[in-house]
Amino acid sequence: GIIFAQGGTFKLCWSLDGTFDIGDGFIVPEKTSSIRIYGAFDTCMQGPGCLAGRRFFCHLPHVEYLVYGPLGTLCEIFMQSTNTELVYSRLTWTDNATTEAFSKKELQAGIDDMALRTVGAQCPGALVGPGLYQSDKQWIREVDPLSRIDLGHTRVNLTVGFHYKLCFCPSYDASTDGVCGELSDFVQQVGYLDGIMAGYLATNDDHAGEV
């Protein structure tokens, strides 16, 4: 199948000889045909995978060195644009799974996993990354392009940072749970979210606890 890394309007071209020279390229299935792919897109110039490879960073304190209430734990990202209806533009962050593993789980439940297998070993994930508080917010965030997306605060009870996939739901329903209703609907990877933690290293007993 054809994998689209970004949303947008595309035309499919076919070449009899594989050269796409003048006279050897045709738009299919008709000359005026175009295909609209729902999803997020970006004007990054590093190739077709640049959107999926974007990096966002948040900060979190080490629980053993936390004395006062920390500042700077709010985690925000942005998305340049989408071509989905705003009401169905949703984002989440996932951890510890490839699409193949997730597909096997869905297959066992009797759900058609074709959509999962066509996006490669990226999104969706099998679980929501636990490094952010969810008490005051759902695990799904609304996406308003060109505005900062509030993911909430990083947790203050951790001893290591995190590395999550950012997964977008392009108005999609993989089963019967409703549009953007389950993790299996979040099929487009739009970046990575890294939780950065300052570490302490004791070089000897006289300097234990120093940064």
C-alpha atoms as a PDB file:
ATOM      1  CA  GLY A   1       0.000   0.000   0.000  1.00  0.00           C
ATOM      2  CA  ILE A   2       0.894   3.687  -0.140  1.00  0.00           C
ATOM      3  CA  ILE A   3       1.894   5.392   3.099  1.00  0.00           C
ATOM      4  CA  PHE A   4       1.350   9.150   3.399  1.00  0.00           C
ATOM      5  CA  ALA A   5       3.508  10.771   6.090  1.00  0.00           C
ATOM      6  CA  GLN A   6       1.484  13.997   6.034  1.00  0.00           C
ATOM      7  CA  GLY A   7      -2.023  15.106   5.260  1.00  0.00           C
ATOM      8  CA  GLY A   8      -2.884  17.144   2.169  1.00  0.00           C
ATOM      9  CA  THR A   9      -4.157  16.891  -1.389  1.00  0.00           C
ATOM     10  CA  PHE A  10      -2.132  14.665  -3.706  1.00  0.00           C
ATOM     11  CA  LYS A  11      -2.124  13.351  -7.270  1.00  0.00           C
ATOM     12  CA  LEU A  12      -0.978   9.857  -8.162  1.00  0.00           C
ATOM     13  CA  CYS A  13       1.299   9.563 -11.181  1.00  0.00           C
ATOM     14  CA  TRP A  14       2.034   6.392 -13.117  1.00  0.00           C
ATOM     15  CA  SER A  15       4.910   5.824 -15.538  1.00  0.00           C
ATOM     16  CA  LEU A  16       4.948   2.971 -18.054  1.00  0.00           C
ATOM     17  CA  ASP A  17       8.756   2.926 -18.263  1.00  0.00           C
ATOM     18  CA  GLY A  18       9.434   4.190 -14.759  1.00  0.00           C
ATOM     19  CA  THR A  19      11.182   7.340 -15.993  1.00  0.00           C
ATOM     20  CA  PHE A  20       8.426   9.944 -15.587  1.00  0.00           C
ATOM     21  CA  ASP A  21       9.923  11.767 -18.578  1.00  0.00           C
ATOM     22  CA  ILE A  22       7.818  13.912 -20.915  1.00  0.00           C
ATOM     23  CA  GLY A  23       5.175  11.649 -22.397  1.00  0.00           C
ATOM     24  CA  ASP A  24       5.830   8.911 -19.842  1.00  0.00           C
ATOM     25  CA  GLY A  25       3.818  10.127 -16.893  1.00  0.00           C
ATOM     26  CA  PHE A  26       0.085   9.942 -16.332  1.00  0.00           C
ATOM     27  CA  ILE A  27      -2.178  11.069 -13.492  1.00  0.00           C
ATOM     28  CA  VAL A  28      -4.349   8.135 -12.424  1.00  0.00           C
ATOM     29  CA  PRO A  29      -7.078   7.068 -12.421  1.00  0.00           C
ATOM     30  CA  GLU A  30      -8.151  10.204 -14.374  1.00  0.00           C
ATOM     31  CA  LYS A  31      -6.281  13.299 -15.526  1.00  0.00           C
ATOM     32  CA  THR A  32      -8.221  15.470 -13.113  1.00  0.00           C
ATOM     33  CA  SER A  33      -8.123  13.023 -10.186  1.00  0.00           C
ATOM     34  CA  SER A  34      -6.747  14.058  -6.810  1.00  0.00           C
ATOM     35  CA  ILE A  35      -6.729  12.393  -3.415  1.00  0.00           C
ATOM     36  CA  ARG A  36      -7.376  14.149  -0.145  1.00  0.00           C
ATOM     37  CA  ILE A  37      -5.507  12.616   2.790  1.00  0.00           C
ATOM     38  CA  TYR A  38      -6.740  13.670   6.207  1.00  0.00           C
ATOM     39  CA  GLY A  39      -3.982  14.431   8.687  1.00  0.00           C
ATOM     40  CA  ALA A  40      -1.493  16.917  10.052  1.00  0.00           C
ATOM     41  CA  PHE A  41       1.111  18.537   7.827  1.00  0.00           C
ATOM     42  CA  ASP A  42       4.129  20.780   8.179  1.00  0.00           C
ATOM     43  CA  THR A  43       6.335  22.835   5.855  1.00  0.00           C
ATOM     44  CA  CYS A  44       9.535  21.286   7.235  1.00  0.00           C
ATOM     45  CA  MET A  45      12.094  20.720   4.498  1.00  0.00           C
ATOM     46  CA  GLN A  46      13.985  17.647   5.757  1.00  0.00           C
ATOM     47  CA  GLY A  47      12.113  15.099   3.657  1.00  0.00           C
ATOM     48  CA  PRO A  48       8.874  13.121   3.927  1.00  0.00           C
ATOM     49  CA  GLY A  49       9.592  11.898   7.467  1.00  0.00           C
ATOM     50  CA  CYS A  50      10.389  15.297   8.988  1.00  0.00           C
ATOM     51  CA  LEU A  51       6.957  15.727  10.601  1.00  0.00           C
ATOM     52  CA  ALA A  52       7.104  12.345  12.346  1.00  0.00           C
ATOM     53  CA  GLY A  53      10.647  13.060  13.522  1.00  0.00           C
ATOM     54  CA  ARG A  54      10.026  16.430  15.188  1.00  0.00           C
ATOM     55  CA  ARG A  55      11.290  16.658  18.788  1.00  0.00           C
ATOM     56  CA  PHE A  56       9.606  18.419  21.697  1.00  0.00           C
ATOM     57  CA  PHE A  57      11.097  18.657  25.185  1.00  0.00           C
ATOM     58  CA  CYS A  58       9.610  19.027  28.645  1.00  0.00           C
ATOM     59  CA  HIS A  59      11.311  19.160  32.042  1.00  0.00           C
ATOM     60  CA  LEU A  60      10.670  17.183  35.208  1.00  0.00           C
ATOM     61  CA  PRO A  61      12.381  17.041  38.615  1.00  0.00           C
ATOM     62  CA  HIS A  62      13.968  13.972  40.197  1.00  0.00           C
ATOM     63  CA  VAL A  63      11.777  12.909  43.124  1.00  0.00           C
ATOM     64  CA  GLU A  64      14.745  12.350  45.455  1.00  0.00           C
ATOM     65  CA  TYR A  65      15.917  15.950  45.066  1.00  0.00           C
ATOM     66  CA  LEU A  66      12.527  17.626  45.178  1.00  0.00           C
ATOM     67  CA  VAL A  67      12.308  19.975  48.167  1.00  0.00           C
ATOM     68  CA  TYR A  68       9.940  22.721  47.082  1.00  0.00           C
ATOM     69  CA  GLY A  69       7.124  22.782  44.581  1.00  0.00           C
ATOM     70  CA  PRO A  70       8.874  22.833  41.178  1.00  0.00           C
ATOM     71  CA  LEU A  71       8.337  25.427  38.468  1.00  0.00           C
ATOM     72  CA  GLY A  72       8.576  24.915  34.724  1.00  0.00           C
ATOM     73  CA  THR A  73       6.785  21.550  34.585  1.00  0.00           C
ATOM     74  CA  LEU A  74       4.064  22.669  32.158  1.00  0.00           C
ATOM     75  CA  CYS A  75       4.456  20.751  28.889  1.00  0.00           C
ATOM     76  CA  GLU A  76       3.316  22.475  25.670  1.00  0.00           C
ATOM     77  CA  ILE A  77       3.846  21.680  21.996  1.00  0.00           C
ATOM     78  CA  PHE A  78       2.507  22.996  18.684  1.00  0.00           C
ATOM     79  CA  MET A  79       1.269  21.672  15.365  1.00  0.00           C
ATOM     80  CA  GLN A  80       1.522  23.802  12.246  1.00  0.00           C
ATOM     81  CA  SER A  81      -1.627  22.742  10.402  1.00  0.00           C
ATOM     82  CA  THR A  82      -4.180  20.005   9.756  1.00  0.00           C
ATOM     83  CA  ASN A  83      -6.816  19.435   7.102  1.00  0.00           C
ATOM     84  CA  THR A  84      -9.269  17.677   9.400  1.00  0.00           C
ATOM     85  CA  GLU A  85     -12.349  19.184  10.974  1.00  0.00           C
ATOM     86  CA  LEU A  86     -11.323  21.039  14.120  1.00  0.00           C
ATOM     87  CA  VAL A  87     -13.791  19.104  16.259  1.00  0.00           C
ATOM     88  CA  TYR A  88     -12.069  15.857  15.226  1.00  0.00           C
ATOM     89  CA  SER A  89      -8.442  17.010  15.551  1.00  0.00           C
ATOM     90  CA  ARG A  90      -7.019  15.139  18.514  1.00  0.00           C
ATOM     91  CA  LEU A  91      -3.561  14.327  19.878  1.00  0.00           C
ATOM     92  CA  THR A  92      -2.152  11.916  22.447  1.00  0.00           C
ATOM     93  CA  TRP A  93       1.231  10.529  23.550  1.00  0.00           C
ATOM     94  CA  THR A  94       2.003   6.820  23.690  1.00  0.00           C
ATOM     95  CA  ASP A  95       4.663   4.555  25.107  1.00  0.00           C
ATOM     96  CA  ASN A  96       6.194   1.073  24.853  1.00  0.00           C
ATOM     97  CA  ALA A  97       4.661  -0.423  21.708  1.00  0.00           C
ATOM     98  CA  THR A  98       5.104  -0.830  17.993  1.00  0.00           C
ATOM     99  CA  THR A  99       2.206  -0.942  15.595  1.00  0.00           C
ATOM    100  CA  GLU A 100       2.851  -4.629  15.003  1.00  0.00           C
ATOM    101  CA  ALA A 101       2.440  -5.445  18.675  1.00  0.00           C
ATOM    102  CA  PHE A 102      -0.643  -3.294  18.915  1.00  0.00           C
ATOM    103  CA  SER A 103      -2.127  -4.899  15.813  1.00  0.00           C
ATOM    104  CA  LYS A 104      -1.751  -8.370  17.315  1.00  0.00           C
ATOM    105  CA  LYS A 105      -3.688  -7.210  20.345  1.00  0.00           C
ATOM    106  CA  GLU A 106      -6.432  -5.777  18.139  1.00  0.00           C
ATOM    107  CA  LEU A 107      -6.547  -8.957  16.049  1.00  0.00           C
ATOM    108  CA  GLN A 108      -7.136 -11.025  19.167  1.00  0.00           C
ATOM    109  CA  ALA A 109     -10.109  -8.808  19.878  1.00  0.00           C
ATOM    110  CA  GLY A 110     -11.500  -9.496  16.388  1.00  0.00           C
ATOM    111  CA  ILE A 111     -10.880  -5.999  15.074  1.00  0.00           C
ATOM    112  CA  ASP A 112      -9.696  -5.405  11.513  1.00  0.00           C
ATOM    113  CA  ASP A 113      -6.150  -4.053  11.860  1.00  0.00           C
ATOM    114  CA  MET A 114      -5.538  -3.085   8.229  1.00  0.00           C
ATOM    115  CA  ALA A 115      -5.271   0.609   9.058  1.00  0.00           C
ATOM    116  CA  LEU A 116      -2.700  -0.135  11.751  1.00  0.00           C
ATOM    117  CA  ARG A 117      -0.514  -2.282   9.505  1.00  0.00           C
ATOM    118  CA  THR A 118      -0.322   0.365   6.768  1.00  0.00           C
ATOM    119  CA  VAL A 119       1.199   3.117   8.910  1.00  0.00           C
ATOM    120  CA  GLY A 120       4.413   1.256   9.765  1.00  0.00           C
ATOM    121  CA  ALA A 121       5.913   0.685  13.188  1.00  0.00           C
ATOM    122  CA  GLN A 122       4.989   4.101  14.546  1.00  0.00           C
ATOM    123  CA  CYS A 123       1.619   5.115  15.955  1.00  0.00           C
ATOM    124  CA  PRO A 124      -0.598   4.042  17.588  1.00  0.00           C
ATOM    125  CA  GLY A 125       0.869   2.838  20.859  1.00  0.00           C
ATOM    126  CA  ALA A 126      -0.550   0.387  23.341  1.00  0.00           C
ATOM    127  CA  LEU A 127      -0.732   2.740  26.325  1.00  0.00           C
ATOM    128  CA  VAL A 128      -0.732   6.415  27.201  1.00  0.00           C
ATOM    129  CA  GLY A 129       2.661   7.599  28.463  1.00  0.00           C
ATOM    130  CA  PRO A 130       2.472   7.881  32.271  1.00  0.00           C
ATOM    131  CA  GLY A 131       4.931  10.770  32.645  1.00  0.00           C
ATOM    132  CA  LEU A 132       2.270  13.499  32.592  1.00  0.00           C
ATOM    133  CA  TYR A 133      -0.503  14.165  35.100  1.00  0.00           C
ATOM    134  CA  GLN A 134      -3.949  13.311  33.796  1.00  0.00           C
ATOM    135  CA  SER A 135      -6.014  14.131  36.861  1.00  0.00           C
ATOM    136  CA  ASP A 136      -7.293  17.436  35.506  1.00  0.00           C
ATOM    137  CA  LYS A 137      -7.253  16.560  31.804  1.00  0.00           C
ATOM    138  CA  GLN A 138      -8.129  13.631  29.574  1.00  0.00           C
ATOM    139  CA  TRP A 139      -5.483  11.619  27.740  1.00  0.00           C
ATOM    140  CA  ILE A 140      -6.761  13.192  24.501  1.00  0.00           C
ATOM    141  CA  ARG A 141      -5.933  16.812  23.684  1.00  0.00           C
ATOM    142  CA  GLU A 142      -7.742  19.019  21.198  1.00  0.00           C
ATOM    143  CA  VAL A 143      -5.539  20.393  18.425  1.00  0.00           C
ATOM    144  CA  ASP A 144      -5.893  24.018  17.387  1.00  0.00           C
ATOM    145  CA  PRO A 145      -3.236  24.624  14.697  1.00  0.00           C
ATOM    146  CA  LEU A 146      -0.825  27.511  15.319  1.00  0.00           C
ATOM    147  CA  SER A 147      -1.776  27.539  19.019  1.00  0.00           C
ATOM    148  CA  ARG A 148       0.181  25.904  21.800  1.00  0.00           C
ATOM    149  CA  ILE A 149      -1.234  22.537  22.845  1.00  0.00           C
ATOM    150  CA  ASP A 150      -1.304  22.123  26.621  1.00  0.00           C
ATOM    151  CA  LEU A 151      -0.360  18.543  27.556  1.00  0.00           C
ATOM    152  CA  GLY A 152      -0.454  19.248  31.290  1.00  0.00           C
ATOM    153  CA  HIS A 153       2.353  19.056  33.837  1.00  0.00           C
ATOM    154  CA  THR A 154       5.093  16.477  34.103  1.00  0.00           C
ATOM    155  CA  ARG A 155       4.987  14.250  37.160  1.00  0.00           C
ATOM    156  CA  VAL A 156       7.109  15.026  40.235  1.00  0.00           C
ATOM    157  CA  ASN A 157       7.416  11.441  41.523  1.00  0.00           C
ATOM    158  CA  LEU A 158       9.732   9.994  38.853  1.00  0.00           C
ATOM    159  CA  THR A 159      13.403   9.039  38.857  1.00  0.00           C
ATOM    160  CA  VAL A 160      13.974   8.916  35.076  1.00  0.00           C
ATOM    161  CA  GLY A 161      12.852  10.920  32.066  1.00  0.00           C
ATOM    162  CA  PHE A 162      10.661   9.610  29.235  1.00  0.00           C
ATOM    163  CA  HIS A 163      10.515   9.275  25.462  1.00  0.00           C
ATOM    164  CA  TYR A 164       7.025   9.112  23.892  1.00  0.00           C
ATOM    165  CA  LYS A 165       5.535   9.131  20.414  1.00  0.00           C
ATOM    166  CA  LEU A 166       3.114  11.959  19.631  1.00  0.00           C
ATOM    167  CA  CYS A 167       0.155  10.436  17.792  1.00  0.00           C
ATOM    168  CA  PHE A 168      -2.538  12.311  15.895  1.00  0.00           C
ATOM    169  CA  CYS A 169      -6.082  11.189  15.076  1.00  0.00           C
ATOM    170  CA  PRO A 170      -7.054  12.472  11.581  1.00  0.00           C
ATOM    171  CA  SER A 171     -10.846  12.192  11.989  1.00  0.00           C
ATOM    172  CA  TYR A 172     -10.447   8.418  12.020  1.00  0.00           C
ATOM    173  CA  ASP A 173     -12.293   5.484  13.570  1.00  0.00           C
ATOM    174  CA  ALA A 174     -10.416   2.165  13.441  1.00  0.00           C
ATOM    175  CA  SER A 175     -13.305   0.106  14.833  1.00  0.00           C
ATOM    176  CA  THR A 176     -16.690   1.023  16.289  1.00  0.00           C
ATOM    177  CA  ASP A 177     -15.687   3.177  19.257  1.00  0.00           C
ATOM    178  CA  GLY A 178     -16.341   6.521  17.559  1.00  0.00           C
ATOM    179  CA  VAL A 179     -14.024   8.981  15.860  1.00  0.00           C
ATOM    180  CA  CYS A 180     -10.874   9.546  17.953  1.00  0.00           C
ATOM    181  CA  GLY A 181     -12.386   7.449  20.710  1.00  0.00           C
ATOM    182  CA  GLU A 182      -9.586   4.918  21.311  1.00  0.00           C
ATOM    183  CA  LEU A 183      -5.813   4.734  20.928  1.00  0.00           C
ATOM    184  CA  SER A 184      -6.193   2.708  17.731  1.00  0.00           C
ATOM    185  CA  ASP A 185      -7.617   5.837  16.040  1.00  0.00           C
ATOM    186  CA  PHE A 186      -4.370   7.796  16.550  1.00  0.00           C
ATOM    187  CA  VAL A 187      -2.534   6.490  13.497  1.00  0.00           C
ATOM    188  CA  GLN A 188      -0.312   9.415  12.411  1.00  0.00           C
ATOM    189  CA  GLN A 189       2.970  10.078  14.169  1.00  0.00           C
ATOM    190  CA  VAL A 190       3.639  13.813  14.419  1.00  0.00           C
ATOM    191  CA  GLY A 191       6.771  13.850  16.540  1.00  0.00           C
ATOM    192  CA  TYR A 192       8.395  12.747  19.774  1.00  0.00           C
ATOM    193  CA  LEU A 193       7.971  14.074  23.310  1.00  0.00           C
ATOM    194  CA  ASP A 194      11.014  13.792  25.582  1.00  0.00           C
ATOM    195  CA  GLY A 195      10.959  14.391  29.313  1.00  0.00           C
ATOM    196  CA  ILE A 196      14.348  15.821  30.372  1.00  0.00           C
ATOM    197  CA  MET A 197      15.540  15.268  33.958  1.00  0.00           C
ATOM    198  CA  ALA A 198      18.628  16.734  35.624  1.00  0.00           C
ATOM    199  CA  GLY A 199      20.837  14.013  37.091  1.00  0.00           C
ATOM    200  CA  TYR A 200      23.116  14.034  40.131  1.00  0.00           C
ATOM    201  CA  LEU A 201      26.445  12.222  40.113  1.00  0.00           C
ATOM    202  CA  ALA A 202      28.610  11.696  43.208  1.00  0.00           C
ATOM    203  CA  THR A 203      32.263  11.401  42.153  1.00  0.00           C
ATOM    204  CA  ASN A 204      33.400  10.633  45.728  1.00  0.00           C
ATOM    205  CA  ASP A 205      32.095  10.756  49.272  1.00  0.00           C
ATOM    206  CA  ASP A 206      33.242  14.354  49.781  1.00  0.00           C
ATOM    207  CA  HIS A 207      31.126  15.605  46.892  1.00  0.00           C
ATOM    208  CA  ALA A 208      28.064  13.345  47.181  1.00  0.00           C
ATOM    209  CA  GLY A 209      24.959  14.994  45.854  1.00  0.00           C
ATOM    210  CA  GLU A 210      26.675  17.659  43.785  1.00  0.00           C
ATOM    211  CA  VAL A 211      25.549  18.209  40.206  1.00  0.00           C
END
